[in-house]
Amino acid sequence: MTKQVQIRTLKDLARLADVSTGTVSRALANSELISKKTRTLIQGLAREHGFQPNITARNLRTQRTGAIGVTIPLGHEKGQHVSDPFFITILGLLADALTERGYDLMLSRVIPADSGWLDKIVDSGRIDGLIVIGQSDQSKTLDNVSARYRPMVVWGGYEKGQQHCSVGTDNFKGGHLAAEHLIERGCKRIAFFGDPSVRELSQRYDGCRAAMAKAGIEKNLTVVPAHLVAETAVPDISAFLSAAHEKPQGIFAASDVIAMSALRALSDYGLAVPADVKVVGFDGLALSEHTVPRLTTVRQDLTAGAAHLVDLLLRRIAGEETDNIVMAPELIVRMST
């Protein structure tokens, strides 16, 4: 019986294939610099002999970790968790997109105590690049770090003059669509539920306000800085409903989670949706299809957004400069209006 050749290193595999170690390394990485015939031969030999390349050694040679950091900064809403439906949705999409490109995902949730939190992440040496989910109230920090650390892309709202590269939705247009729809449904008193001190939510509020100004009813806009976390949003909204001299005819919630909290608070208060109050959310999460009544919402294309985040980041890792991406929102009309 012929004794099986033991393949422990790239040099062993190169000797067996009668090629250089560099050719073996590139062939195992499926580099098109190596002919398809040679790649097929080397990859077949590696499988036959159960050879797995030393990933740690390869990373040391290429100065790559094979990991992409994904960070959620919570400067404005410290009670939010990774289990938030929006975070879970976009994290799942990012994990799929990164895995398909051969990267691991390293997740961190950060409550910024000072402006140095982002420097610690990008200087850790543990990641090849960073995706930040949401600007929170950290836009200045993102701008400062992006000036020296290029492989970083942020999910969030775009503002002229920003230094960091972002992917997100046209929040102003989304807010405008939501308010226009409520006005078309006969609402003259509209309440905005959300904290307009945060960039994305501020842009949604500005769009809502512009649509109401166009209709001549801007003075009837009320702002309720409801939290993004359901446990605190419901009491916020209930307190507003109890104190309000005139109840709103329409509610534009800055997120689907806030909108779901509004549905619960309105029901507890004895107000029917949409007969007494009409409600529009923002995000287009899968959960919005399962509320009672089913939620009208402004949809963000999170699948395309995650793909853009990964694509732009890998291009920046390769040394390219990339533009910001602002996607169009879509109004999804359901039973809550």
C-alpha atoms as a PDB file:
ATOM      1  CA  MET A   1       0.000   0.000   0.000  1.00  0.00           C
ATOM      2  CA  THR A   2       1.387   3.413  -0.992  1.00  0.00           C
ATOM      3  CA  LYS A   3       2.114   5.643   1.974  1.00  0.00           C
ATOM      4  CA  GLN A   4       0.100   8.910   1.915  1.00  0.00           C
ATOM      5  CA  VAL A   5       2.310  12.010   1.622  1.00  0.00           C
ATOM      6  CA  GLN A   6       1.862  14.239   4.663  1.00  0.00           C
ATOM      7  CA  ILE A   7       1.136  17.886   3.787  1.00  0.00           C
ATOM      8  CA  ARG A   8       1.670  20.218   6.729  1.00  0.00           C
ATOM      9  CA  THR A   9       2.884  23.440   5.121  1.00  0.00           C
ATOM     10  CA  LEU A  10       2.559  25.487   1.950  1.00  0.00           C
ATOM     11  CA  LYS A  11       6.101  24.351   1.087  1.00  0.00           C
ATOM     12  CA  ASP A  12       5.011  20.685   1.250  1.00  0.00           C
ATOM     13  CA  LEU A  13       2.058  21.362  -1.038  1.00  0.00           C
ATOM     14  CA  ALA A  14       4.215  23.404  -3.421  1.00  0.00           C
ATOM     15  CA  ARG A  15       6.739  20.519  -3.661  1.00  0.00           C
ATOM     16  CA  LEU A  16       3.933  18.063  -4.439  1.00  0.00           C
ATOM     17  CA  ALA A  17       2.435  20.334  -7.116  1.00  0.00           C
ATOM     18  CA  ASP A  18       5.886  21.288  -8.454  1.00  0.00           C
ATOM     19  CA  VAL A  19       5.210  25.025  -8.155  1.00  0.00           C
ATOM     20  CA  SER A  20       6.400  27.868  -5.913  1.00  0.00           C
ATOM     21  CA  THR A  21       4.920  28.530  -2.452  1.00  0.00           C
ATOM     22  CA  GLY A  22       3.707  31.891  -3.748  1.00  0.00           C
ATOM     23  CA  THR A  23       1.724  30.144  -6.473  1.00  0.00           C
ATOM     24  CA  VAL A  24       0.182  27.806  -3.874  1.00  0.00           C
ATOM     25  CA  SER A  25      -0.749  30.715  -1.613  1.00  0.00           C
ATOM     26  CA  ARG A  26      -2.424  32.600  -4.452  1.00  0.00           C
ATOM     27  CA  ALA A  27      -4.167  29.489  -5.772  1.00  0.00           C
ATOM     28  CA  LEU A  28      -5.662  28.689  -2.353  1.00  0.00           C
ATOM     29  CA  ALA A  29      -6.876  32.295  -2.165  1.00  0.00           C
ATOM     30  CA  ASN A  30      -8.488  31.702  -5.604  1.00  0.00           C
ATOM     31  CA  SER A  31      -6.455  34.523  -7.125  1.00  0.00           C
ATOM     32  CA  GLU A  32      -7.080  35.056 -10.837  1.00  0.00           C
ATOM     33  CA  LEU A  33      -3.362  35.775 -11.192  1.00  0.00           C
ATOM     34  CA  ILE A  34      -2.996  31.971 -11.276  1.00  0.00           C
ATOM     35  CA  SER A  35      -4.448  30.030 -14.208  1.00  0.00           C
ATOM     36  CA  LYS A  36      -7.663  28.145 -13.596  1.00  0.00           C
ATOM     37  CA  LYS A  37      -5.954  24.859 -14.428  1.00  0.00           C
ATOM     38  CA  THR A  38      -3.243  25.410 -11.793  1.00  0.00           C
ATOM     39  CA  ARG A  39      -5.764  26.628  -9.210  1.00  0.00           C
ATOM     40  CA  THR A  40      -7.893  23.544  -9.749  1.00  0.00           C
ATOM     41  CA  LEU A  41      -4.850  21.264  -9.407  1.00  0.00           C
ATOM     42  CA  ILE A  42      -3.589  22.873  -6.180  1.00  0.00           C
ATOM     43  CA  GLN A  43      -7.016  23.156  -4.557  1.00  0.00           C
ATOM     44  CA  GLY A  44      -7.691  19.508  -5.437  1.00  0.00           C
ATOM     45  CA  LEU A  45      -4.407  18.383  -3.853  1.00  0.00           C
ATOM     46  CA  ALA A  46      -5.173  20.446  -0.735  1.00  0.00           C
ATOM     47  CA  ARG A  47      -8.568  18.746  -0.385  1.00  0.00           C
ATOM     48  CA  GLU A  48      -7.128  15.298  -1.069  1.00  0.00           C
ATOM     49  CA  HIS A  49      -4.535  15.686   1.687  1.00  0.00           C
ATOM     50  CA  GLY A  50      -6.791  17.544   4.123  1.00  0.00           C
ATOM     51  CA  PHE A  51      -4.556  20.602   4.066  1.00  0.00           C
ATOM     52  CA  GLN A  52      -5.813  23.807   5.723  1.00  0.00           C
ATOM     53  CA  PRO A  53      -3.647  26.940   5.387  1.00  0.00           C
ATOM     54  CA  ASN A  54      -2.521  28.656   8.577  1.00  0.00           C
ATOM     55  CA  ILE A  55      -4.885  31.635   8.687  1.00  0.00           C
ATOM     56  CA  THR A  56      -2.997  33.357  11.488  1.00  0.00           C
ATOM     57  CA  ALA A  57       0.273  33.194   9.562  1.00  0.00           C
ATOM     58  CA  ARG A  58      -1.440  34.448   6.411  1.00  0.00           C
ATOM     59  CA  ASN A  59      -2.917  37.391   8.315  1.00  0.00           C
ATOM     60  CA  LEU A  60       0.486  38.279   9.726  1.00  0.00           C
ATOM     61  CA  ARG A  61       1.953  38.308   6.219  1.00  0.00           C
ATOM     62  CA  THR A  62      -0.853  40.350   4.710  1.00  0.00           C
ATOM     63  CA  GLN A  63      -1.399  42.545   7.793  1.00  0.00           C
ATOM     64  CA  ARG A  64      -5.074  41.581   7.723  1.00  0.00           C
ATOM     65  CA  THR A  65      -7.164  40.171  10.582  1.00  0.00           C
ATOM     66  CA  GLY A  66     -10.040  38.810   8.492  1.00  0.00           C
ATOM     67  CA  ALA A  67     -12.491  40.578  10.816  1.00  0.00           C
ATOM     68  CA  ILE A  68     -14.746  43.593  10.328  1.00  0.00           C
ATOM     69  CA  GLY A  69     -15.864  45.554  13.365  1.00  0.00           C
ATOM     70  CA  VAL A  70     -19.527  46.528  13.681  1.00  0.00           C
ATOM     71  CA  THR A  71     -20.171  49.080  16.397  1.00  0.00           C
ATOM     72  CA  ILE A  72     -23.423  50.507  17.782  1.00  0.00           C
ATOM     73  CA  PRO A  73     -22.795  53.796  19.645  1.00  0.00           C
ATOM     74  CA  LEU A  74     -25.539  54.750  22.095  1.00  0.00           C
ATOM     75  CA  GLY A  75     -24.726  58.270  23.178  1.00  0.00           C
ATOM     76  CA  HIS A  76     -28.316  59.526  23.036  1.00  0.00           C
ATOM     77  CA  GLU A  77     -30.289  56.395  23.978  1.00  0.00           C
ATOM     78  CA  LYS A  78     -28.353  54.409  26.555  1.00  0.00           C
ATOM     79  CA  GLY A  79     -31.246  52.038  27.234  1.00  0.00           C
ATOM     80  CA  GLN A  80     -31.248  50.541  23.742  1.00  0.00           C
ATOM     81  CA  HIS A  81     -29.944  47.010  23.346  1.00  0.00           C
ATOM     82  CA  VAL A  82     -28.593  44.932  20.487  1.00  0.00           C
ATOM     83  CA  SER A  83     -31.891  42.994  20.638  1.00  0.00           C
ATOM     84  CA  ASP A  84     -33.702  46.104  19.310  1.00  0.00           C
ATOM     85  CA  PRO A  85     -35.638  44.975  16.177  1.00  0.00           C
ATOM     86  CA  PHE A  86     -33.855  47.498  13.937  1.00  0.00           C
ATOM     87  CA  PHE A  87     -30.389  46.451  15.131  1.00  0.00           C
ATOM     88  CA  ILE A  88     -31.200  42.737  14.844  1.00  0.00           C
ATOM     89  CA  THR A  89     -32.435  43.215  11.287  1.00  0.00           C
ATOM     90  CA  ILE A  90     -29.444  45.144   9.958  1.00  0.00           C
ATOM     91  CA  LEU A  91     -26.914  43.040  11.913  1.00  0.00           C
ATOM     92  CA  GLY A  92     -28.292  39.866  10.342  1.00  0.00           C
ATOM     93  CA  LEU A  93     -28.008  41.381   6.877  1.00  0.00           C
ATOM     94  CA  LEU A  94     -24.454  42.577   7.562  1.00  0.00           C
ATOM     95  CA  ALA A  95     -23.400  39.186   8.947  1.00  0.00           C
ATOM     96  CA  ASP A  96     -24.639  37.466   5.780  1.00  0.00           C
ATOM     97  CA  ALA A  97     -22.944  39.992   3.474  1.00  0.00           C
ATOM     98  CA  LEU A  98     -19.621  39.858   5.323  1.00  0.00           C
ATOM     99  CA  THR A  99     -19.575  36.059   5.540  1.00  0.00           C
ATOM    100  CA  GLU A 100     -20.135  35.841   1.796  1.00  0.00           C
ATOM    101  CA  ARG A 101     -17.051  38.045   1.331  1.00  0.00           C
ATOM    102  CA  GLY A 102     -14.925  35.879   3.649  1.00  0.00           C
ATOM    103  CA  TYR A 103     -14.938  38.099   6.753  1.00  0.00           C
ATOM    104  CA  ASP A 104     -15.857  37.542  10.380  1.00  0.00           C
ATOM    105  CA  LEU A 105     -17.985  40.124  12.224  1.00  0.00           C
ATOM    106  CA  MET A 106     -16.804  41.555  15.545  1.00  0.00           C
ATOM    107  CA  LEU A 107     -19.710  43.291  17.311  1.00  0.00           C
ATOM    108  CA  SER A 108     -19.545  45.913  20.046  1.00  0.00           C
ATOM    109  CA  ARG A 109     -22.172  48.095  21.716  1.00  0.00           C
ATOM    110  CA  VAL A 110     -20.676  51.310  23.085  1.00  0.00           C
ATOM    111  CA  ILE A 111     -22.002  53.914  25.478  1.00  0.00           C
ATOM    112  CA  PRO A 112     -19.513  56.742  24.847  1.00  0.00           C
ATOM    113  CA  ALA A 113     -18.026  58.157  28.029  1.00  0.00           C
ATOM    114  CA  ASP A 114     -15.626  60.440  26.147  1.00  0.00           C
ATOM    115  CA  SER A 115     -14.519  61.234  22.598  1.00  0.00           C
ATOM    116  CA  GLY A 116     -11.790  58.568  22.676  1.00  0.00           C
ATOM    117  CA  TRP A 117     -14.087  55.536  22.393  1.00  0.00           C
ATOM    118  CA  LEU A 118     -13.768  55.339  18.611  1.00  0.00           C
ATOM    119  CA  ASP A 119      -9.972  55.737  18.630  1.00  0.00           C
ATOM    120  CA  LYS A 120      -9.725  52.682  20.905  1.00  0.00           C
ATOM    121  CA  ILE A 121     -11.700  50.566  18.458  1.00  0.00           C
ATOM    122  CA  VAL A 122      -9.898  51.558  15.254  1.00  0.00           C
ATOM    123  CA  ASP A 123      -6.453  51.403  16.906  1.00  0.00           C
ATOM    124  CA  SER A 124      -7.026  47.991  18.519  1.00  0.00           C
ATOM    125  CA  GLY A 125      -5.387  46.074  15.637  1.00  0.00           C
ATOM    126  CA  ARG A 126      -8.205  43.514  15.809  1.00  0.00           C
ATOM    127  CA  ILE A 127     -10.162  44.589  12.702  1.00  0.00           C
ATOM    128  CA  ASP A 128      -9.543  45.432   9.055  1.00  0.00           C
ATOM    129  CA  GLY A 129     -12.306  48.032   8.935  1.00  0.00           C
ATOM    130  CA  LEU A 130     -15.312  49.339  10.828  1.00  0.00           C
ATOM    131  CA  ILE A 131     -19.044  49.716  10.185  1.00  0.00           C
ATOM    132  CA  VAL A 132     -20.826  52.043  12.609  1.00  0.00           C
ATOM    133  CA  ILE A 133     -24.592  51.610  12.986  1.00  0.00           C
ATOM    134  CA  GLY A 134     -26.078  55.040  13.629  1.00  0.00           C
ATOM    135  CA  GLN A 135     -24.446  58.391  14.281  1.00  0.00           C
ATOM    136  CA  SER A 136     -26.273  58.830  17.585  1.00  0.00           C
ATOM    137  CA  ASP A 137     -24.940  62.133  18.958  1.00  0.00           C
ATOM    138  CA  GLN A 138     -21.381  61.233  17.891  1.00  0.00           C
ATOM    139  CA  SER A 139     -21.144  62.873  14.444  1.00  0.00           C
ATOM    140  CA  LYS A 140     -18.220  65.090  15.490  1.00  0.00           C
ATOM    141  CA  THR A 141     -16.251  62.095  16.784  1.00  0.00           C
ATOM    142  CA  LEU A 142     -16.974  60.164  13.579  1.00  0.00           C
ATOM    143  CA  ASP A 143     -15.730  63.091  11.483  1.00  0.00           C
ATOM    144  CA  ASN A 144     -12.547  63.498  13.544  1.00  0.00           C
ATOM    145  CA  VAL A 145     -11.547  59.819  13.408  1.00  0.00           C
ATOM    146  CA  SER A 146     -12.470  59.373   9.727  1.00  0.00           C
ATOM    147  CA  ALA A 147      -9.921  62.055   8.844  1.00  0.00           C
ATOM    148  CA  ARG A 148      -7.121  59.646   9.788  1.00  0.00           C
ATOM    149  CA  TYR A 149      -8.800  56.224   9.602  1.00  0.00           C
ATOM    150  CA  ARG A 150     -10.220  55.630   6.139  1.00  0.00           C
ATOM    151  CA  PRO A 151     -11.705  52.094   6.295  1.00  0.00           C
ATOM    152  CA  MET A 152     -14.865  53.170   8.122  1.00  0.00           C
ATOM    153  CA  VAL A 153     -18.448  53.505   6.870  1.00  0.00           C
ATOM    154  CA  VAL A 154     -21.434  54.707   8.896  1.00  0.00           C
ATOM    155  CA  TRP A 155     -25.122  53.901   8.651  1.00  0.00           C
ATOM    156  CA  GLY A 156     -26.940  57.195   9.144  1.00  0.00           C
ATOM    157  CA  GLY A 157     -28.208  60.453   7.743  1.00  0.00           C
ATOM    158  CA  TYR A 158     -26.109  62.470   5.315  1.00  0.00           C
ATOM    159  CA  GLU A 159     -25.422  66.159   5.934  1.00  0.00           C
ATOM    160  CA  LYS A 160     -23.495  68.412   3.595  1.00  0.00           C
ATOM    161  CA  GLY A 161     -19.941  68.916   4.803  1.00  0.00           C
ATOM    162  CA  GLN A 162     -19.649  65.743   6.878  1.00  0.00           C
ATOM    163  CA  GLN A 163     -16.249  64.044   6.807  1.00  0.00           C
ATOM    164  CA  HIS A 164     -17.277  60.436   7.416  1.00  0.00           C
ATOM    165  CA  CYS A 165     -18.641  58.202   4.663  1.00  0.00           C
ATOM    166  CA  SER A 166     -22.291  57.279   5.237  1.00  0.00           C
ATOM    167  CA  VAL A 167     -25.005  55.057   3.821  1.00  0.00           C
ATOM    168  CA  GLY A 168     -28.607  55.769   4.690  1.00  0.00           C
ATOM    169  CA  THR A 169     -32.061  56.858   3.632  1.00  0.00           C
ATOM    170  CA  ASP A 170     -33.293  60.292   2.588  1.00  0.00           C
ATOM    171  CA  ASN A 171     -34.835  60.927   5.983  1.00  0.00           C
ATOM    172  CA  PHE A 172     -36.171  64.366   5.058  1.00  0.00           C
ATOM    173  CA  LYS A 173     -38.086  62.922   2.123  1.00  0.00           C
ATOM    174  CA  GLY A 174     -39.332  60.084   4.314  1.00  0.00           C
ATOM    175  CA  GLY A 175     -40.675  62.505   6.892  1.00  0.00           C
ATOM    176  CA  HIS A 176     -42.278  64.546   4.115  1.00  0.00           C
ATOM    177  CA  LEU A 177     -43.973  61.432   2.701  1.00  0.00           C
ATOM    178  CA  ALA A 178     -45.325  60.465   6.124  1.00  0.00           C
ATOM    179  CA  ALA A 179     -46.796  63.903   6.864  1.00  0.00           C
ATOM    180  CA  GLU A 180     -48.237  64.292   3.358  1.00  0.00           C
ATOM    181  CA  HIS A 181     -50.005  60.966   3.759  1.00  0.00           C
ATOM    182  CA  LEU A 182     -51.489  61.942   7.131  1.00  0.00           C
ATOM    183  CA  ILE A 183     -52.629  65.290   5.711  1.00  0.00           C
ATOM    184  CA  GLU A 184     -54.230  63.516   2.741  1.00  0.00           C
ATOM    185  CA  ARG A 185     -56.063  61.324   5.260  1.00  0.00           C
ATOM    186  CA  GLY A 186     -57.575  64.459   6.831  1.00  0.00           C
ATOM    187  CA  CYS A 187     -55.186  65.007   9.745  1.00  0.00           C
ATOM    188  CA  LYS A 188     -54.691  68.663  10.668  1.00  0.00           C
ATOM    189  CA  ARG A 189     -53.177  68.103  14.132  1.00  0.00           C
ATOM    190  CA  ILE A 190     -50.075  65.920  13.898  1.00  0.00           C
ATOM    191  CA  ALA A 191     -47.665  64.812  16.618  1.00  0.00           C
ATOM    192  CA  PHE A 192     -44.067  63.810  15.901  1.00  0.00           C
ATOM    193  CA  PHE A 193     -42.910  61.082  18.296  1.00  0.00           C
ATOM    194  CA  GLY A 194     -39.109  60.990  18.590  1.00  0.00           C
ATOM    195  CA  ASP A 195     -36.067  62.956  19.728  1.00  0.00           C
ATOM    196  CA  PRO A 196     -35.185  65.541  17.032  1.00  0.00           C
ATOM    197  CA  SER A 197     -31.774  66.221  18.607  1.00  0.00           C
ATOM    198  CA  VAL A 198     -30.423  63.113  16.819  1.00  0.00           C
ATOM    199  CA  ARG A 199     -29.442  63.563  13.151  1.00  0.00           C
ATOM    200  CA  GLU A 200     -31.607  60.918  11.477  1.00  0.00           C
ATOM    201  CA  LEU A 201     -34.647  61.745  13.600  1.00  0.00           C
ATOM    202  CA  SER A 202     -34.074  65.474  13.135  1.00  0.00           C
ATOM    203  CA  GLN A 203     -34.127  65.021   9.363  1.00  0.00           C
ATOM    204  CA  ARG A 204     -37.403  63.070   9.599  1.00  0.00           C
ATOM    205  CA  TYR A 205     -38.883  65.787  11.778  1.00  0.00           C
ATOM    206  CA  ASP A 206     -37.768  68.509   9.342  1.00  0.00           C
ATOM    207  CA  GLY A 207     -39.457  66.675   6.472  1.00  0.00           C
ATOM    208  CA  CYS A 208     -42.669  66.367   8.460  1.00  0.00           C
ATOM    209  CA  ARG A 209     -42.578  70.034   9.407  1.00  0.00           C
ATOM    210  CA  ALA A 210     -41.946  71.097   5.792  1.00  0.00           C
ATOM    211  CA  ALA A 211     -44.966  69.130   4.558  1.00  0.00           C
ATOM    212  CA  MET A 212     -47.163  70.689   7.225  1.00  0.00           C
ATOM    213  CA  ALA A 213     -45.842  74.170   6.416  1.00  0.00           C
ATOM    214  CA  LYS A 214     -46.683  73.578   2.761  1.00  0.00           C
ATOM    215  CA  ALA A 215     -50.238  72.718   3.833  1.00  0.00           C
ATOM    216  CA  GLY A 216     -50.415  75.793   6.098  1.00  0.00           C
ATOM    217  CA  ILE A 217     -50.773  73.800   9.319  1.00  0.00           C
ATOM    218  CA  GLU A 218     -47.237  73.873  10.758  1.00  0.00           C
ATOM    219  CA  LYS A 219     -48.535  75.508  13.949  1.00  0.00           C
ATOM    220  CA  ASN A 220     -50.460  72.294  14.638  1.00  0.00           C
ATOM    221  CA  LEU A 221     -47.291  70.191  14.884  1.00  0.00           C
ATOM    222  CA  THR A 222     -46.445  68.854  18.343  1.00  0.00           C
ATOM    223  CA  VAL A 223     -43.142  67.202  19.274  1.00  0.00           C
ATOM    224  CA  VAL A 224     -43.099  64.388  21.832  1.00  0.00           C
ATOM    225  CA  PRO A 225     -39.477  63.298  22.480  1.00  0.00           C
ATOM    226  CA  ALA A 226     -40.454  59.647  22.954  1.00  0.00           C
ATOM    227  CA  HIS A 227     -37.656  57.177  23.624  1.00  0.00           C
ATOM    228  CA  LEU A 228     -36.645  54.522  21.098  1.00  0.00           C
ATOM    229  CA  VAL A 229     -37.024  51.809  23.742  1.00  0.00           C
ATOM    230  CA  ALA A 230     -40.564  50.462  24.132  1.00  0.00           C
ATOM    231  CA  GLU A 231     -40.352  50.187  27.930  1.00  0.00           C
ATOM    232  CA  THR A 232     -39.874  53.945  28.222  1.00  0.00           C
ATOM    233  CA  ALA A 233     -41.672  55.048  25.049  1.00  0.00           C
ATOM    234  CA  VAL A 234     -45.089  53.768  26.201  1.00  0.00           C
ATOM    235  CA  PRO A 235     -45.039  55.822  29.454  1.00  0.00           C
ATOM    236  CA  ASP A 236     -43.783  58.869  27.476  1.00  0.00           C
ATOM    237  CA  ILE A 237     -46.687  58.609  25.046  1.00  0.00           C
ATOM    238  CA  SER A 238     -49.257  57.833  27.746  1.00  0.00           C
ATOM    239  CA  ALA A 239     -48.181  60.915  29.698  1.00  0.00           C
ATOM    240  CA  PHE A 240     -48.546  63.058  26.575  1.00  0.00           C
ATOM    241  CA  LEU A 241     -52.025  61.711  25.818  1.00  0.00           C
ATOM    242  CA  SER A 242     -53.148  62.354  29.393  1.00  0.00           C
ATOM    243  CA  ALA A 243     -51.860  65.935  29.405  1.00  0.00           C
ATOM    244  CA  ALA A 244     -52.796  66.977  25.854  1.00  0.00           C
ATOM    245  CA  HIS A 245     -55.644  69.503  25.656  1.00  0.00           C
ATOM    246  CA  GLU A 246     -56.351  68.381  22.084  1.00  0.00           C
ATOM    247  CA  LYS A 247     -55.446  64.862  20.984  1.00  0.00           C
ATOM    248  CA  PRO A 248     -53.552  64.567  17.705  1.00  0.00           C
ATOM    249  CA  GLN A 249     -55.424  63.320  14.679  1.00  0.00           C
ATOM    250  CA  GLY A 250     -52.245  61.842  13.252  1.00  0.00           C
ATOM    251  CA  ILE A 251     -48.968  60.551  14.672  1.00  0.00           C
ATOM    252  CA  PHE A 252     -45.696  60.301  12.770  1.00  0.00           C
ATOM    253  CA  ALA A 253     -43.374  58.086  14.811  1.00  0.00           C
ATOM    254  CA  ALA A 254     -39.655  58.385  14.110  1.00  0.00           C
ATOM    255  CA  SER A 255     -39.278  54.583  14.158  1.00  0.00           C
ATOM    256  CA  ASP A 256     -41.457  51.511  13.870  1.00  0.00           C
ATOM    257  CA  VAL A 257     -40.663  50.609  17.483  1.00  0.00           C
ATOM    258  CA  ILE A 258     -41.984  54.000  18.650  1.00  0.00           C
ATOM    259  CA  ALA A 259     -45.032  53.535  16.399  1.00  0.00           C
ATOM    260  CA  MET A 260     -45.733  50.142  17.993  1.00  0.00           C
ATOM    261  CA  SER A 261     -45.459  51.764  21.416  1.00  0.00           C
ATOM    262  CA  ALA A 262     -47.938  54.419  20.245  1.00  0.00           C
ATOM    263  CA  LEU A 263     -50.429  51.732  19.152  1.00  0.00           C
ATOM    264  CA  ARG A 264     -50.261  50.186  22.620  1.00  0.00           C
ATOM    265  CA  ALA A 265     -50.569  53.508  24.458  1.00  0.00           C
ATOM    266  CA  LEU A 266     -53.488  54.628  22.283  1.00  0.00           C
ATOM    267  CA  SER A 267     -55.295  51.338  22.902  1.00  0.00           C
ATOM    268  CA  ASP A 268     -54.731  51.644  26.669  1.00  0.00           C
ATOM    269  CA  TYR A 269     -56.126  55.180  26.495  1.00  0.00           C
ATOM    270  CA  GLY A 270     -59.240  54.004  24.636  1.00  0.00           C
ATOM    271  CA  LEU A 271     -58.440  55.634  21.285  1.00  0.00           C
ATOM    272  CA  ALA A 272     -59.015  53.579  18.137  1.00  0.00           C
ATOM    273  CA  VAL A 273     -56.529  53.410  15.251  1.00  0.00           C
ATOM    274  CA  PRO A 274     -57.203  54.612  12.578  1.00  0.00           C
ATOM    275  CA  ALA A 275     -60.715  55.867  13.482  1.00  0.00           C
ATOM    276  CA  ASP A 276     -59.580  58.300  16.200  1.00  0.00           C
ATOM    277  CA  VAL A 277     -55.843  58.619  15.453  1.00  0.00           C
ATOM    278  CA  LYS A 278     -53.834  57.601  12.393  1.00  0.00           C
ATOM    279  CA  VAL A 279     -50.281  56.332  12.877  1.00  0.00           C
ATOM    280  CA  VAL A 280     -47.260  56.170  10.547  1.00  0.00           C
ATOM    281  CA  GLY A 281     -43.943  54.577  11.514  1.00  0.00           C
ATOM    282  CA  PHE A 282     -40.469  54.638   9.958  1.00  0.00           C
ATOM    283  CA  ASP A 283     -38.098  51.763   9.036  1.00  0.00           C
ATOM    284  CA  GLY A 284     -40.296  49.132   7.371  1.00  0.00           C
ATOM    285  CA  LEU A 285     -39.360  46.348   9.797  1.00  0.00           C
ATOM    286  CA  ALA A 286     -40.946  42.922   9.321  1.00  0.00           C
ATOM    287  CA  LEU A 287     -42.730  43.365  12.683  1.00  0.00           C
ATOM    288  CA  SER A 288     -44.715  46.288  11.263  1.00  0.00           C
ATOM    289  CA  GLU A 289     -46.713  43.808   9.193  1.00  0.00           C
ATOM    290  CA  HIS A 290     -47.907  42.002  12.323  1.00  0.00           C
ATOM    291  CA  THR A 291     -49.229  44.824  14.501  1.00  0.00           C
ATOM    292  CA  VAL A 292     -52.950  45.347  15.085  1.00  0.00           C
ATOM    293  CA  PRO A 293     -53.833  47.215  12.989  1.00  0.00           C
ATOM    294  CA  ARG A 294     -51.030  46.591  10.486  1.00  0.00           C
ATOM    295  CA  LEU A 295     -48.696  49.584  10.507  1.00  0.00           C
ATOM    296  CA  THR A 296     -48.322  52.143   7.750  1.00  0.00           C
ATOM    297  CA  THR A 297     -44.606  52.912   7.582  1.00  0.00           C
ATOM    298  CA  VAL A 298     -41.853  54.617   5.625  1.00  0.00           C
ATOM    299  CA  ARG A 299     -39.634  51.776   4.445  1.00  0.00           C
ATOM    300  CA  GLN A 300     -35.852  51.901   4.373  1.00  0.00           C
ATOM    301  CA  ASP A 301     -34.259  49.323   2.074  1.00  0.00           C
ATOM    302  CA  LEU A 302     -32.090  47.720   4.752  1.00  0.00           C
ATOM    303  CA  THR A 303     -31.024  44.832   2.500  1.00  0.00           C
ATOM    304  CA  ALA A 304     -29.574  47.229  -0.069  1.00  0.00           C
ATOM    305  CA  GLY A 305     -28.203  49.401   2.732  1.00  0.00           C
ATOM    306  CA  ALA A 306     -26.254  46.518   4.291  1.00  0.00           C
ATOM    307  CA  ALA A 307     -24.870  45.561   0.878  1.00  0.00           C
ATOM    308  CA  HIS A 308     -23.750  49.159   0.279  1.00  0.00           C
ATOM    309  CA  LEU A 309     -22.083  49.343   3.711  1.00  0.00           C
ATOM    310  CA  VAL A 310     -20.033  46.219   3.054  1.00  0.00           C
ATOM    311  CA  ASP A 311     -19.183  47.149  -0.540  1.00  0.00           C
ATOM    312  CA  LEU A 312     -18.024  50.670   0.345  1.00  0.00           C
ATOM    313  CA  LEU A 313     -16.021  49.435   3.316  1.00  0.00           C
ATOM    314  CA  LEU A 314     -14.135  46.806   1.304  1.00  0.00           C
ATOM    315  CA  ARG A 315     -13.406  49.366  -1.376  1.00  0.00           C
ATOM    316  CA  ARG A 316     -12.042  51.738   1.275  1.00  0.00           C
ATOM    317  CA  ILE A 317      -9.916  48.927   2.735  1.00  0.00           C
ATOM    318  CA  ALA A 318      -8.465  48.529  -0.762  1.00  0.00           C
ATOM    319  CA  GLY A 319      -7.539  52.219  -0.765  1.00  0.00           C
ATOM    320  CA  GLU A 320     -10.395  53.700  -2.805  1.00  0.00           C
ATOM    321  CA  GLU A 321     -12.235  56.902  -1.997  1.00  0.00           C
ATOM    322  CA  THR A 322     -16.011  56.435  -1.920  1.00  0.00           C
ATOM    323  CA  ASP A 323     -19.029  58.717  -2.036  1.00  0.00           C
ATOM    324  CA  ASN A 324     -21.917  58.770   0.401  1.00  0.00           C
ATOM    325  CA  ILE A 325     -25.065  56.867  -0.570  1.00  0.00           C
ATOM    326  CA  VAL A 326     -28.543  58.253   0.117  1.00  0.00           C
ATOM    327  CA  MET A 327     -31.346  55.837  -0.729  1.00  0.00           C
ATOM    328  CA  ALA A 328     -34.947  56.713  -1.567  1.00  0.00           C
ATOM    329  CA  PRO A 329     -37.608  55.895   1.058  1.00  0.00           C
ATOM    330  CA  GLU A 330     -40.907  54.209   0.214  1.00  0.00           C
ATOM    331  CA  LEU A 331     -44.283  54.792   1.883  1.00  0.00           C
ATOM    332  CA  ILE A 332     -46.007  51.486   2.671  1.00  0.00           C
ATOM    333  CA  VAL A 333     -49.705  52.131   3.318  1.00  0.00           C
ATOM    334  CA  ARG A 334     -51.500  49.719   5.637  1.00  0.00           C
ATOM    335  CA  MET A 335     -54.460  49.725   8.029  1.00  0.00           C
ATOM    336  CA  SER A 336     -53.108  52.129  10.699  1.00  0.00           C
ATOM    337  CA  THR A 337     -53.955  55.101   8.447  1.00  0.00           C
END
